[in-house]
């Protein structure tokens, strides 16, 4: 919250794409619940003016909540090459939209 506030103060014309924390650890573990709770708090920073919250965590998981094969390294914390591809694809359109907003407001 403090970092986002600082960015908004220092760069008032900027658009910030704030991503939710990616899933960590195996499905059903306490760390997954903690990440979900934190992401709910982060979502409240979404003001649709300066800050645009996006949670792409589900894109890394199958329908059972397990990591897609090859998306993350064995530590289930750091994305692997496939994970970075999923990440890039998930933010491509939202970033393009924010760039349009930034240039249209000038």
N, C-alpha and C. Protein backbone atom coordinates (compact mmCIF):
# COMPACT_ATOMS: atom_id res chain seq x y z
N UNK A 1 0.83 -1.18 0.00
CA UNK A 1 0.00 0.00 0.00
C UNK A 1 0.88 1.24 0.00
N UNK A 2 1.93 1.21 0.80
CA UNK A 2 2.83 2.36 0.88
C UNK A 2 3.55 2.61 -0.44
N UNK A 3 3.99 1.55 -1.08
CA UNK A 3 4.71 1.69 -2.36
C UNK A 3 3.77 2.24 -3.42
N UNK A 4 2.56 1.73 -3.50
CA UNK A 4 1.59 2.23 -4.48
C UNK A 4 1.29 3.69 -4.21
N UNK A 5 1.08 4.05 -2.95
CA UNK A 5 0.83 5.44 -2.60
C UNK A 5 1.97 6.36 -3.00
N UNK A 6 3.17 5.90 -2.79
CA UNK A 6 4.36 6.67 -3.17
C UNK A 6 4.44 6.85 -4.68
N UNK A 7 4.16 5.79 -5.42
CA UNK A 7 4.17 5.89 -6.88
C UNK A 7 3.11 6.86 -7.39
N UNK A 8 1.93 6.79 -6.84
CA UNK A 8 0.85 7.70 -7.25
C UNK A 8 1.24 9.14 -6.94
N UNK A 9 1.82 9.36 -5.76
CA UNK A 9 2.25 10.71 -5.39
C UNK A 9 3.37 11.23 -6.29
N UNK A 10 4.35 10.38 -6.57
CA UNK A 10 5.52 10.80 -7.35
C UNK A 10 5.23 10.89 -8.85
N UNK A 11 4.29 10.09 -9.33
CA UNK A 11 3.99 10.04 -10.76
C UNK A 11 2.47 10.11 -10.97
N UNK A 12 1.87 11.25 -10.68
CA UNK A 12 0.41 11.35 -10.68
C UNK A 12 -0.26 11.09 -12.03
N UNK A 13 0.46 11.22 -13.12
CA UNK A 13 -0.13 10.97 -14.44
C UNK A 13 0.02 9.51 -14.87
N UNK A 14 0.71 8.72 -14.08
CA UNK A 14 0.98 7.33 -14.44
C UNK A 14 -0.21 6.42 -14.17
N UNK A 15 -0.26 5.34 -14.91
CA UNK A 15 -1.21 4.26 -14.69
C UNK A 15 -0.42 3.07 -14.16
N UNK A 16 -0.87 2.49 -13.07
CA UNK A 16 -0.16 1.40 -12.42
C UNK A 16 -0.98 0.12 -12.56
N UNK A 17 -0.37 -0.89 -13.14
CA UNK A 17 -0.99 -2.21 -13.19
C UNK A 17 -0.46 -2.99 -12.00
N UNK A 18 -1.30 -3.14 -11.00
CA UNK A 18 -0.93 -3.82 -9.76
C UNK A 18 -1.39 -5.26 -9.84
N UNK A 19 -0.43 -6.17 -9.89
CA UNK A 19 -0.76 -7.60 -9.97
C UNK A 19 -0.90 -8.21 -8.59
N UNK A 20 -1.84 -9.13 -8.49
CA UNK A 20 -1.95 -9.91 -7.26
C UNK A 20 -0.74 -10.81 -7.12
N UNK A 21 -0.49 -11.21 -5.90
CA UNK A 21 0.59 -12.16 -5.64
C UNK A 21 0.22 -13.48 -6.29
N UNK A 22 1.18 -14.09 -6.94
CA UNK A 22 0.94 -15.37 -7.61
C UNK A 22 0.76 -16.47 -6.56
N UNK A 23 0.04 -17.54 -6.93
CA UNK A 23 -0.13 -18.66 -5.99
C UNK A 23 1.23 -19.23 -5.61
N UNK A 24 1.28 -19.72 -4.39
CA UNK A 24 2.51 -20.33 -3.89
C UNK A 24 2.17 -21.63 -3.20
N UNK A 25 3.10 -22.56 -3.28
CA UNK A 25 2.93 -23.82 -2.58
C UNK A 25 1.78 -24.64 -3.13
N UNK A 26 1.64 -25.84 -2.61
CA UNK A 26 0.57 -26.74 -3.05
C UNK A 26 -0.83 -26.22 -2.71
N UNK A 27 -1.81 -26.67 -3.46
CA UNK A 27 -3.20 -26.29 -3.21
C UNK A 27 -3.62 -26.70 -1.81
N UNK A 28 -4.43 -25.87 -1.17
CA UNK A 28 -4.97 -26.19 0.15
C UNK A 28 -4.05 -25.91 1.32
N UNK A 29 -2.87 -25.36 1.07
CA UNK A 29 -1.96 -25.07 2.17
C UNK A 29 -2.22 -23.67 2.73
N UNK A 30 -1.81 -23.43 3.98
CA UNK A 30 -2.04 -22.11 4.58
C UNK A 30 -1.45 -20.94 3.78
N UNK A 31 -0.36 -21.16 3.08
CA UNK A 31 0.23 -20.07 2.31
C UNK A 31 -0.70 -19.64 1.18
N UNK A 32 -1.42 -20.57 0.61
CA UNK A 32 -2.40 -20.21 -0.44
C UNK A 32 -3.51 -19.33 0.15
N UNK A 33 -3.96 -19.66 1.35
CA UNK A 33 -5.00 -18.86 2.00
C UNK A 33 -4.46 -17.47 2.30
N UNK A 34 -3.24 -17.38 2.78
CA UNK A 34 -2.62 -16.09 3.10
C UNK A 34 -2.49 -15.23 1.84
N UNK A 35 -2.05 -15.83 0.75
CA UNK A 35 -1.93 -15.09 -0.51
C UNK A 35 -3.30 -14.57 -0.94
N UNK A 36 -4.33 -15.38 -0.83
CA UNK A 36 -5.68 -14.95 -1.20
C UNK A 36 -6.13 -13.77 -0.33
N UNK A 37 -5.82 -13.81 0.96
CA UNK A 37 -6.19 -12.72 1.86
C UNK A 37 -5.45 -11.43 1.48
N UNK A 38 -4.17 -11.54 1.20
CA UNK A 38 -3.38 -10.37 0.80
C UNK A 38 -3.92 -9.81 -0.51
N UNK A 39 -4.25 -10.69 -1.45
CA UNK A 39 -4.76 -10.21 -2.73
C UNK A 39 -6.09 -9.48 -2.57
N UNK A 40 -6.91 -9.90 -1.62
CA UNK A 40 -8.16 -9.17 -1.35
C UNK A 40 -7.86 -7.75 -0.88
N UNK A 41 -6.82 -7.61 -0.07
CA UNK A 41 -6.41 -6.28 0.39
C UNK A 41 -5.85 -5.45 -0.76
N UNK A 42 -5.04 -6.08 -1.60
CA UNK A 42 -4.47 -5.36 -2.75
C UNK A 42 -5.57 -4.89 -3.70
N UNK A 43 -6.59 -5.70 -3.87
CA UNK A 43 -7.68 -5.35 -4.78
C UNK A 43 -8.37 -4.05 -4.36
N UNK A 44 -8.34 -3.73 -3.09
CA UNK A 44 -8.96 -2.50 -2.60
C UNK A 44 -8.21 -1.25 -3.04
N UNK A 45 -6.98 -1.41 -3.52
CA UNK A 45 -6.19 -0.27 -4.01
C UNK A 45 -6.60 0.11 -5.43
N UNK A 46 -7.41 -0.72 -6.06
CA UNK A 46 -7.88 -0.48 -7.42
C UNK A 46 -8.80 0.74 -7.43
N UNK A 47 -8.33 1.84 -8.02
CA UNK A 47 -9.18 3.03 -8.05
C UNK A 47 -9.65 3.37 -9.47
N UNK A 48 -9.24 2.58 -10.45
CA UNK A 48 -9.62 2.76 -11.86
C UNK A 48 -9.27 4.15 -12.40
N UNK A 49 -8.35 4.80 -11.72
CA UNK A 49 -7.84 6.09 -12.18
C UNK A 49 -6.33 6.02 -12.32
N UNK A 50 -5.67 5.71 -11.20
CA UNK A 50 -4.21 5.55 -11.20
C UNK A 50 -3.81 4.08 -11.07
N UNK A 51 -4.56 3.35 -10.29
CA UNK A 51 -4.21 1.97 -9.95
C UNK A 51 -5.26 1.02 -10.52
N UNK A 52 -4.76 0.01 -11.22
CA UNK A 52 -5.62 -0.99 -11.85
C UNK A 52 -5.14 -2.36 -11.37
N UNK A 53 -5.93 -2.99 -10.52
CA UNK A 53 -5.56 -4.28 -9.94
C UNK A 53 -5.95 -5.41 -10.89
N UNK A 54 -5.06 -6.39 -10.99
CA UNK A 54 -5.32 -7.56 -11.82
C UNK A 54 -4.73 -8.79 -11.13
N UNK A 55 -5.55 -9.78 -10.91
CA UNK A 55 -5.09 -11.04 -10.32
C UNK A 55 -5.07 -12.09 -11.42
N UNK A 56 -3.89 -12.51 -11.81
CA UNK A 56 -3.75 -13.51 -12.87
C UNK A 56 -3.35 -14.87 -12.32
N UNK A 57 -3.39 -15.03 -11.01
CA UNK A 57 -2.94 -16.27 -10.38
C UNK A 57 -3.62 -17.51 -10.92
N UNK A 58 -4.90 -17.43 -11.21
CA UNK A 58 -5.64 -18.60 -11.69
C UNK A 58 -5.12 -19.09 -13.04
N UNK A 59 -4.48 -18.23 -13.79
CA UNK A 59 -3.96 -18.62 -15.11
C UNK A 59 -2.84 -19.65 -15.00
N UNK A 60 -2.23 -19.75 -13.82
CA UNK A 60 -1.13 -20.69 -13.60
C UNK A 60 -1.61 -22.04 -13.07
N UNK A 61 -2.92 -22.15 -12.83
CA UNK A 61 -3.47 -23.33 -12.15
C UNK A 61 -4.47 -24.07 -13.02
N UNK A 62 -4.59 -25.37 -12.75
CA UNK A 62 -5.63 -26.14 -13.42
C UNK A 62 -6.93 -26.02 -12.63
N UNK A 63 -7.96 -26.74 -13.02
CA UNK A 63 -9.26 -26.61 -12.37
C UNK A 63 -9.28 -27.18 -10.95
N UNK A 64 -8.25 -27.90 -10.56
CA UNK A 64 -8.14 -28.43 -9.19
C UNK A 64 -7.26 -27.55 -8.30
N UNK A 65 -6.74 -26.47 -8.88
CA UNK A 65 -5.88 -25.57 -8.11
C UNK A 65 -4.42 -25.98 -8.09
N UNK A 66 -4.08 -26.96 -8.90
CA UNK A 66 -2.68 -27.40 -8.99
C UNK A 66 -1.97 -26.59 -10.07
N UNK A 67 -0.67 -26.38 -9.90
CA UNK A 67 0.10 -25.65 -10.90
C UNK A 67 0.09 -26.38 -12.24
N UNK A 68 -0.04 -25.62 -13.31
CA UNK A 68 0.08 -26.21 -14.64
C UNK A 68 1.48 -26.78 -14.80
N UNK A 69 1.60 -27.93 -15.43
CA UNK A 69 2.93 -28.52 -15.61
C UNK A 69 3.88 -27.55 -16.30
N UNK A 70 5.05 -27.38 -15.71
CA UNK A 70 6.08 -26.54 -16.31
C UNK A 70 5.92 -25.06 -16.09
N UNK A 71 4.86 -24.63 -15.39
CA UNK A 71 4.64 -23.20 -15.18
C UNK A 71 5.57 -22.62 -14.12
N UNK A 72 5.89 -23.42 -13.11
CA UNK A 72 6.75 -22.96 -12.02
C UNK A 72 7.90 -23.93 -11.80
N UNK A 73 8.95 -23.41 -11.21
CA UNK A 73 10.08 -24.26 -10.82
C UNK A 73 9.63 -25.18 -9.69
N UNK A 74 10.43 -26.19 -9.36
CA UNK A 74 10.02 -27.13 -8.31
C UNK A 74 9.76 -26.48 -6.94
N UNK A 75 10.29 -25.26 -6.71
CA UNK A 75 10.03 -24.60 -5.43
C UNK A 75 8.60 -24.04 -5.33
N UNK A 76 7.84 -24.11 -6.43
CA UNK A 76 6.47 -23.61 -6.51
C UNK A 76 6.37 -22.14 -6.07
N UNK A 77 7.43 -21.41 -6.36
CA UNK A 77 7.48 -19.99 -6.03
C UNK A 77 7.88 -19.16 -7.25
N UNK A 78 8.89 -19.64 -7.97
CA UNK A 78 9.43 -18.89 -9.11
C UNK A 78 8.90 -19.46 -10.43
N UNK A 79 8.42 -18.57 -11.30
CA UNK A 79 7.94 -19.05 -12.60
C UNK A 79 9.07 -19.67 -13.43
N UNK A 80 8.71 -20.65 -14.21
CA UNK A 80 9.61 -21.22 -15.22
C UNK A 80 9.29 -20.51 -16.54
N UNK A 81 9.95 -20.88 -17.60
CA UNK A 81 9.74 -20.23 -18.90
C UNK A 81 8.26 -20.21 -19.28
N UNK A 82 7.58 -21.35 -19.10
CA UNK A 82 6.16 -21.40 -19.43
C UNK A 82 5.36 -20.43 -18.56
N UNK A 83 5.73 -20.31 -17.31
CA UNK A 83 5.06 -19.38 -16.41
C UNK A 83 5.21 -17.93 -16.87
N UNK A 84 6.40 -17.60 -17.35
CA UNK A 84 6.62 -16.24 -17.86
C UNK A 84 5.80 -16.00 -19.13
N UNK A 85 5.63 -17.02 -19.93
CA UNK A 85 4.80 -16.89 -21.13
C UNK A 85 3.33 -16.65 -20.74
N UNK A 86 2.86 -17.38 -19.75
CA UNK A 86 1.49 -17.20 -19.25
C UNK A 86 1.32 -15.79 -18.70
N UNK A 87 2.29 -15.34 -17.95
CA UNK A 87 2.29 -14.01 -17.35
C UNK A 87 2.22 -12.94 -18.44
N UNK A 88 3.10 -13.05 -19.42
CA UNK A 88 3.15 -12.06 -20.51
C UNK A 88 1.82 -12.01 -21.26
N UNK A 89 1.27 -13.16 -21.56
CA UNK A 89 0.01 -13.20 -22.29
C UNK A 89 -1.12 -12.59 -21.46
N UNK A 90 -1.10 -12.83 -20.16
CA UNK A 90 -2.17 -12.34 -19.28
C UNK A 90 -2.15 -10.82 -19.11
N UNK A 91 -0.97 -10.20 -19.20
CA UNK A 91 -0.90 -8.75 -18.99
C UNK A 91 -0.82 -7.95 -20.28
N UNK A 92 -0.68 -8.63 -21.41
CA UNK A 92 -0.50 -7.93 -22.68
C UNK A 92 -1.66 -6.98 -22.98
N UNK A 93 -2.87 -7.46 -22.95
CA UNK A 93 -4.03 -6.61 -23.27
C UNK A 93 -4.28 -5.54 -22.20
N UNK A 94 -4.24 -5.89 -20.89
CA UNK A 94 -4.42 -4.83 -19.89
C UNK A 94 -3.37 -3.72 -20.00
N UNK A 95 -2.13 -4.09 -20.28
CA UNK A 95 -1.10 -3.06 -20.45
C UNK A 95 -1.37 -2.19 -21.67
N UNK A 96 -1.78 -2.81 -22.76
CA UNK A 96 -2.11 -2.04 -23.97
C UNK A 96 -3.25 -1.07 -23.68
N UNK A 97 -4.24 -1.52 -22.94
CA UNK A 97 -5.36 -0.65 -22.58
C UNK A 97 -4.91 0.52 -21.71
N UNK A 98 -4.01 0.25 -20.77
CA UNK A 98 -3.51 1.33 -19.92
C UNK A 98 -2.68 2.33 -20.72
N UNK A 99 -1.94 1.83 -21.69
CA UNK A 99 -1.18 2.74 -22.54
C UNK A 99 -2.11 3.64 -23.35
N UNK A 100 -3.21 3.07 -23.81
CA UNK A 100 -4.21 3.88 -24.53
C UNK A 100 -4.79 4.95 -23.61
N UNK A 101 -5.11 4.57 -22.38
CA UNK A 101 -5.63 5.53 -21.41
C UNK A 101 -4.62 6.64 -21.14
N UNK A 102 -3.36 6.27 -21.02
CA UNK A 102 -2.32 7.25 -20.72
C UNK A 102 -2.16 8.25 -21.85
N UNK A 103 -2.20 7.76 -23.09
CA UNK A 103 -1.99 8.67 -24.21
C UNK A 103 -3.25 9.49 -24.52
N UNK A 104 -4.42 8.94 -24.22
CA UNK A 104 -5.66 9.70 -24.49
C UNK A 104 -5.90 10.79 -23.45
N UNK A 105 -5.29 10.66 -22.28
CA UNK A 105 -5.49 11.67 -21.24
C UNK A 105 -4.50 12.82 -21.34
N UNK A 106 -3.62 12.79 -22.33
CA UNK A 106 -2.63 13.87 -22.47
C UNK A 106 -3.16 14.97 -23.33
